[in-house]
Amino acid sequence: MHPFDPLSTSEIDAAVAIVREAHDGPLKFNTVTLSEPRKAQMMAWLEDSENTPKPHRAAEVVAITPDGKLYDGIVDLKTNAIVEWNLVAGVQPLVTMEDLQFVEHMARKDESIIKQCEAIGIPREDMHKVYCDPWTIGYDERFGNSDRLQQALMYYRPDIDDYMLFMLLSIRMTKFTLLDGMSLKPQANHLMAFRPGSQIQQMSPLTIPI
């Protein structure tokens, strides 16, 4: 395997197992990716691979504890040892797909969001038609950096129209903060509402020379 090849599934499993065994307490693994060898090591091996030791395969591991502590470390996959393991303060790891799904799930059940939806004409029983497009927020001095935060752009899709609500959500779900309440009445804003009928009268093949 080339030193720059991505980690295999077995290497990822090995790195996770090594960290779990060494760490006291539960961890959520945010990122397990290749830790590339140093340039000097790589250049020496490329110039004389027969006489120069091949750089070890290593994994960079980013993990977070249930109380929000973030760890970043390096696992040597040849020696099966943790060569670096640091507690990193004042930062948050990448937002994962599980985080995104969790935000939407919790938003649909939050009473303040349900009432806000009702205020613009979305019935309580239609909350399953309310969708959430979560985005990272970065740093906001109002909230500090101890909580994992997401900005959730929410919309209702009963048909072709979208009606937007904007709010800020904390992944810890201690509370939902509505940034801007809206009092819009549902209305047809789609182009086809003003120009009914098909806009495409005839279709023909398109030939692109290559």
Protein backbone atom coordinates (compact mmCIF):
# COMPACT_ATOMS: atom_id res chain seq x y z
CA MET A 1 0.00 0.00 0.00
CA HIS A 2 1.35 3.43 -0.95
CA PRO A 3 1.99 5.83 1.96
CA PHE A 4 -0.46 8.34 0.46
CA ASP A 5 -3.29 5.85 -0.10
CA PRO A 6 -6.44 6.63 1.93
CA LEU A 7 -7.00 4.54 5.03
CA SER A 8 -8.69 1.22 4.44
CA THR A 9 -11.72 0.19 6.48
CA SER A 10 -9.57 -2.24 8.45
CA GLU A 11 -7.07 0.54 9.25
CA ILE A 12 -9.88 2.82 10.42
CA ASP A 13 -11.25 0.04 12.62
CA ALA A 14 -7.77 -0.58 14.04
CA ALA A 15 -7.20 3.10 14.86
CA VAL A 16 -10.59 3.37 16.58
CA ALA A 17 -9.94 0.21 18.61
CA ILE A 18 -6.51 1.44 19.74
CA VAL A 19 -7.93 4.77 20.92
CA ARG A 20 -10.91 3.16 22.67
CA GLU A 21 -8.61 0.82 24.58
CA ALA A 22 -6.36 3.66 25.72
CA HIS A 23 -9.02 6.25 26.52
CA ASP A 24 -10.97 6.14 29.77
CA GLY A 25 -14.62 6.85 29.00
CA PRO A 26 -16.92 7.05 25.97
CA LEU A 27 -15.86 8.83 22.79
CA LYS A 28 -17.63 9.86 19.60
CA PHE A 29 -15.25 9.62 16.66
CA ASN A 30 -15.60 12.65 14.43
CA THR A 31 -12.78 12.04 11.94
CA VAL A 32 -10.38 9.18 11.25
CA THR A 33 -8.22 9.96 8.25
CA LEU A 34 -4.73 9.42 6.87
CA SER A 35 -1.92 11.24 8.62
CA GLU A 36 0.48 11.83 5.75
CA PRO A 37 4.19 11.18 6.32
CA ARG A 38 6.62 14.07 6.59
CA LYS A 39 7.96 15.41 3.31
CA ALA A 40 11.57 14.56 4.18
CA GLN A 41 10.66 10.93 4.96
CA MET A 42 8.62 10.62 1.80
CA MET A 43 11.30 12.14 -0.44
CA ALA A 44 13.98 9.86 1.00
CA TRP A 45 11.84 6.78 0.39
CA LEU A 46 10.90 7.83 -3.15
CA GLU A 47 14.55 8.41 -4.05
CA ASP A 48 15.73 5.03 -2.70
CA SER A 49 12.83 2.76 -1.77
CA GLU A 50 15.03 -0.35 -1.61
CA ASN A 51 17.33 0.97 1.12
CA THR A 52 15.10 3.50 2.89
CA PRO A 53 12.43 2.38 5.38
CA LYS A 54 8.92 2.91 4.09
CA PRO A 55 7.05 5.58 6.08
CA HIS A 56 4.66 4.09 8.60
CA ARG A 57 0.94 4.20 7.93
CA ALA A 58 -0.70 6.48 10.49
CA ALA A 59 -4.18 7.77 11.25
CA GLU A 60 -5.20 11.17 12.52
CA VAL A 61 -8.08 10.78 14.93
CA VAL A 62 -10.46 13.51 16.09
CA ALA A 63 -12.86 12.49 18.86
CA ILE A 64 -15.24 14.26 21.22
CA THR A 65 -16.49 13.25 24.67
CA PRO A 66 -20.14 13.50 25.77
CA ASP A 67 -19.30 16.63 27.79
CA GLY A 68 -17.76 18.38 24.77
CA LYS A 69 -14.02 17.83 25.25
CA LEU A 70 -12.18 17.53 21.94
CA TYR A 71 -9.16 15.30 21.38
CA ASP A 72 -6.83 15.18 18.39
CA GLY A 73 -4.20 12.50 18.01
CA ILE A 74 -2.03 10.35 15.77
CA VAL A 75 -2.08 6.54 15.77
CA ASP A 76 0.85 4.60 14.28
CA LEU A 77 -0.77 1.69 12.45
CA LYS A 78 2.45 -0.30 12.19
CA THR A 79 3.31 -0.26 15.89
CA ASN A 80 -0.35 -0.01 16.99
CA ALA A 81 0.55 2.83 19.31
CA ILE A 82 -0.78 6.32 19.96
CA VAL A 83 2.11 8.68 19.24
CA GLU A 84 0.18 11.91 19.90
CA TRP A 85 -2.97 12.60 21.92
CA ASN A 86 -3.92 16.17 22.78
CA LEU A 87 -6.87 17.85 24.44
CA VAL A 88 -7.74 20.81 22.21
CA ALA A 89 -9.52 23.75 23.84
CA GLY A 90 -11.65 26.45 22.25
CA VAL A 91 -12.57 24.68 19.01
CA GLN A 92 -15.25 22.33 17.68
CA PRO A 93 -14.81 19.41 15.24
CA LEU A 94 -16.54 18.98 11.88
CA VAL A 95 -20.31 18.72 11.73
CA THR A 96 -21.24 15.14 10.85
CA MET A 97 -24.21 13.71 8.97
CA GLU A 98 -25.55 12.37 12.27
CA ASP A 99 -25.44 15.92 13.68
CA LEU A 100 -27.44 17.23 10.72
CA GLN A 101 -30.10 14.54 11.06
CA PHE A 102 -30.31 15.09 14.82
CA VAL A 103 -30.96 18.82 14.38
CA GLU A 104 -33.86 18.22 11.99
CA HIS A 105 -35.32 15.53 14.24
CA MET A 106 -35.23 17.78 17.32
CA ALA A 107 -36.44 20.88 15.48
CA ARG A 108 -39.63 19.15 14.37
CA LYS A 109 -40.48 18.32 17.98
CA ASP A 110 -39.58 21.67 19.58
CA GLU A 111 -42.67 23.50 20.82
CA SER A 112 -41.31 27.00 20.06
CA ILE A 113 -40.66 26.02 16.45
CA ILE A 114 -44.06 24.34 16.12
CA LYS A 115 -45.76 27.54 17.33
CA GLN A 116 -43.69 29.63 14.92
CA CYS A 117 -44.80 27.36 12.08
CA GLU A 118 -48.42 27.65 13.17
CA ALA A 119 -48.10 31.45 13.10
CA ILE A 120 -47.41 31.37 9.36
CA GLY A 121 -50.13 28.85 8.57
CA ILE A 122 -48.36 25.50 8.91
CA PRO A 123 -50.56 23.14 10.94
CA ARG A 124 -49.06 21.18 13.80
CA GLU A 125 -49.86 17.89 12.07
CA ASP A 126 -47.75 18.97 9.07
CA MET A 127 -44.43 19.14 10.93
CA HIS A 128 -43.25 16.08 9.01
CA LYS A 129 -43.35 18.34 5.94
CA VAL A 130 -41.02 20.85 7.60
CA TYR A 131 -37.41 20.27 6.56
CA CYS A 132 -34.15 21.50 7.97
CA ASP A 133 -31.04 22.53 6.04
CA PRO A 134 -28.38 22.83 8.77
CA TRP A 135 -25.24 24.92 8.26
CA THR A 136 -22.25 25.45 10.50
CA ILE A 137 -22.27 28.84 12.18
CA GLY A 138 -18.62 29.25 13.10
CA TYR A 139 -18.05 31.49 16.12
CA ASP A 140 -20.71 33.73 17.62
CA GLU A 141 -19.72 35.78 20.68
CA ARG A 142 -23.27 35.50 22.05
CA PHE A 143 -22.79 31.78 22.63
CA GLY A 144 -19.04 31.34 23.14
CA ASN A 145 -17.29 28.19 21.95
CA SER A 146 -18.27 25.60 24.54
CA ASP A 147 -21.45 24.46 22.73
CA ARG A 148 -21.74 22.80 19.34
CA LEU A 149 -23.93 25.14 17.32
CA GLN A 150 -25.72 24.92 14.02
CA GLN A 151 -27.75 27.40 12.03
CA ALA A 152 -30.83 25.68 10.65
CA LEU A 153 -32.53 27.01 7.53
CA MET A 154 -36.02 25.54 7.65
CA TYR A 155 -38.66 25.30 4.98
CA TYR A 156 -42.12 23.85 4.48
CA ARG A 157 -42.86 21.82 1.37
CA PRO A 158 -46.54 21.07 0.89
CA ASP A 159 -46.14 21.67 -2.85
CA ILE A 160 -43.85 23.66 -5.14
CA ASP A 161 -43.49 26.67 -2.79
CA ASP A 162 -40.92 27.03 0.00
CA TYR A 163 -41.55 29.17 3.08
CA MET A 164 -38.45 29.92 5.07
CA LEU A 165 -37.95 30.18 8.83
CA PHE A 166 -34.56 31.16 10.19
CA MET A 167 -33.32 30.05 13.58
CA LEU A 168 -30.19 29.08 15.47
CA LEU A 169 -29.99 25.64 17.03
CA SER A 170 -27.58 24.19 19.56
CA ILE A 171 -26.70 20.55 18.97
CA ARG A 172 -26.67 20.10 22.73
CA MET A 173 -30.35 20.97 22.49
CA THR A 174 -30.42 22.96 25.70
CA LYS A 175 -32.65 25.42 23.86
CA PHE A 176 -33.68 26.70 20.46
CA THR A 177 -33.16 30.38 19.73
CA LEU A 178 -35.35 31.89 17.03
CA LEU A 179 -33.36 34.60 15.29
CA ASP A 180 -36.23 36.03 13.28
CA GLY A 181 -39.94 35.32 13.56
CA MET A 182 -41.95 35.64 10.35
CA SER A 183 -45.61 36.45 9.80
CA LEU A 184 -45.85 35.57 6.13
CA LYS A 185 -49.08 34.21 4.77
CA PRO A 186 -48.77 31.28 2.38
CA GLN A 187 -48.98 32.48 -1.18
CA ALA A 188 -48.03 31.23 -4.61
CA ASN A 189 -44.59 32.63 -5.43
CA HIS A 190 -43.62 30.17 -8.11
CA LEU A 191 -43.19 31.45 -11.67
CA MET A 192 -45.76 28.99 -12.99
CA ALA A 193 -48.43 30.56 -10.78
CA PHE A 194 -48.19 33.70 -12.91
CA ARG A 195 -47.48 31.99 -16.23
CA PRO A 196 -49.65 28.87 -16.30
CA GLY A 197 -49.16 26.22 -18.94
CA SER A 198 -46.10 24.44 -20.23
CA GLN A 199 -43.22 26.71 -21.25
CA ILE A 200 -41.70 23.97 -23.41
CA GLN A 201 -43.66 23.48 -26.62
CA GLN A 202 -41.33 21.15 -28.46
CA MET A 203 -38.14 19.28 -27.61
CA SER A 204 -35.45 18.17 -30.03
CA PRO A 205 -32.10 16.40 -29.56
CA LEU A 206 -29.06 18.56 -28.82
CA THR A 207 -25.85 17.60 -30.63
CA ILE A 208 -22.57 18.73 -29.05
CA PRO A 209 -19.41 18.28 -31.19
CA ILE A 210 -16.39 16.90 -29.37
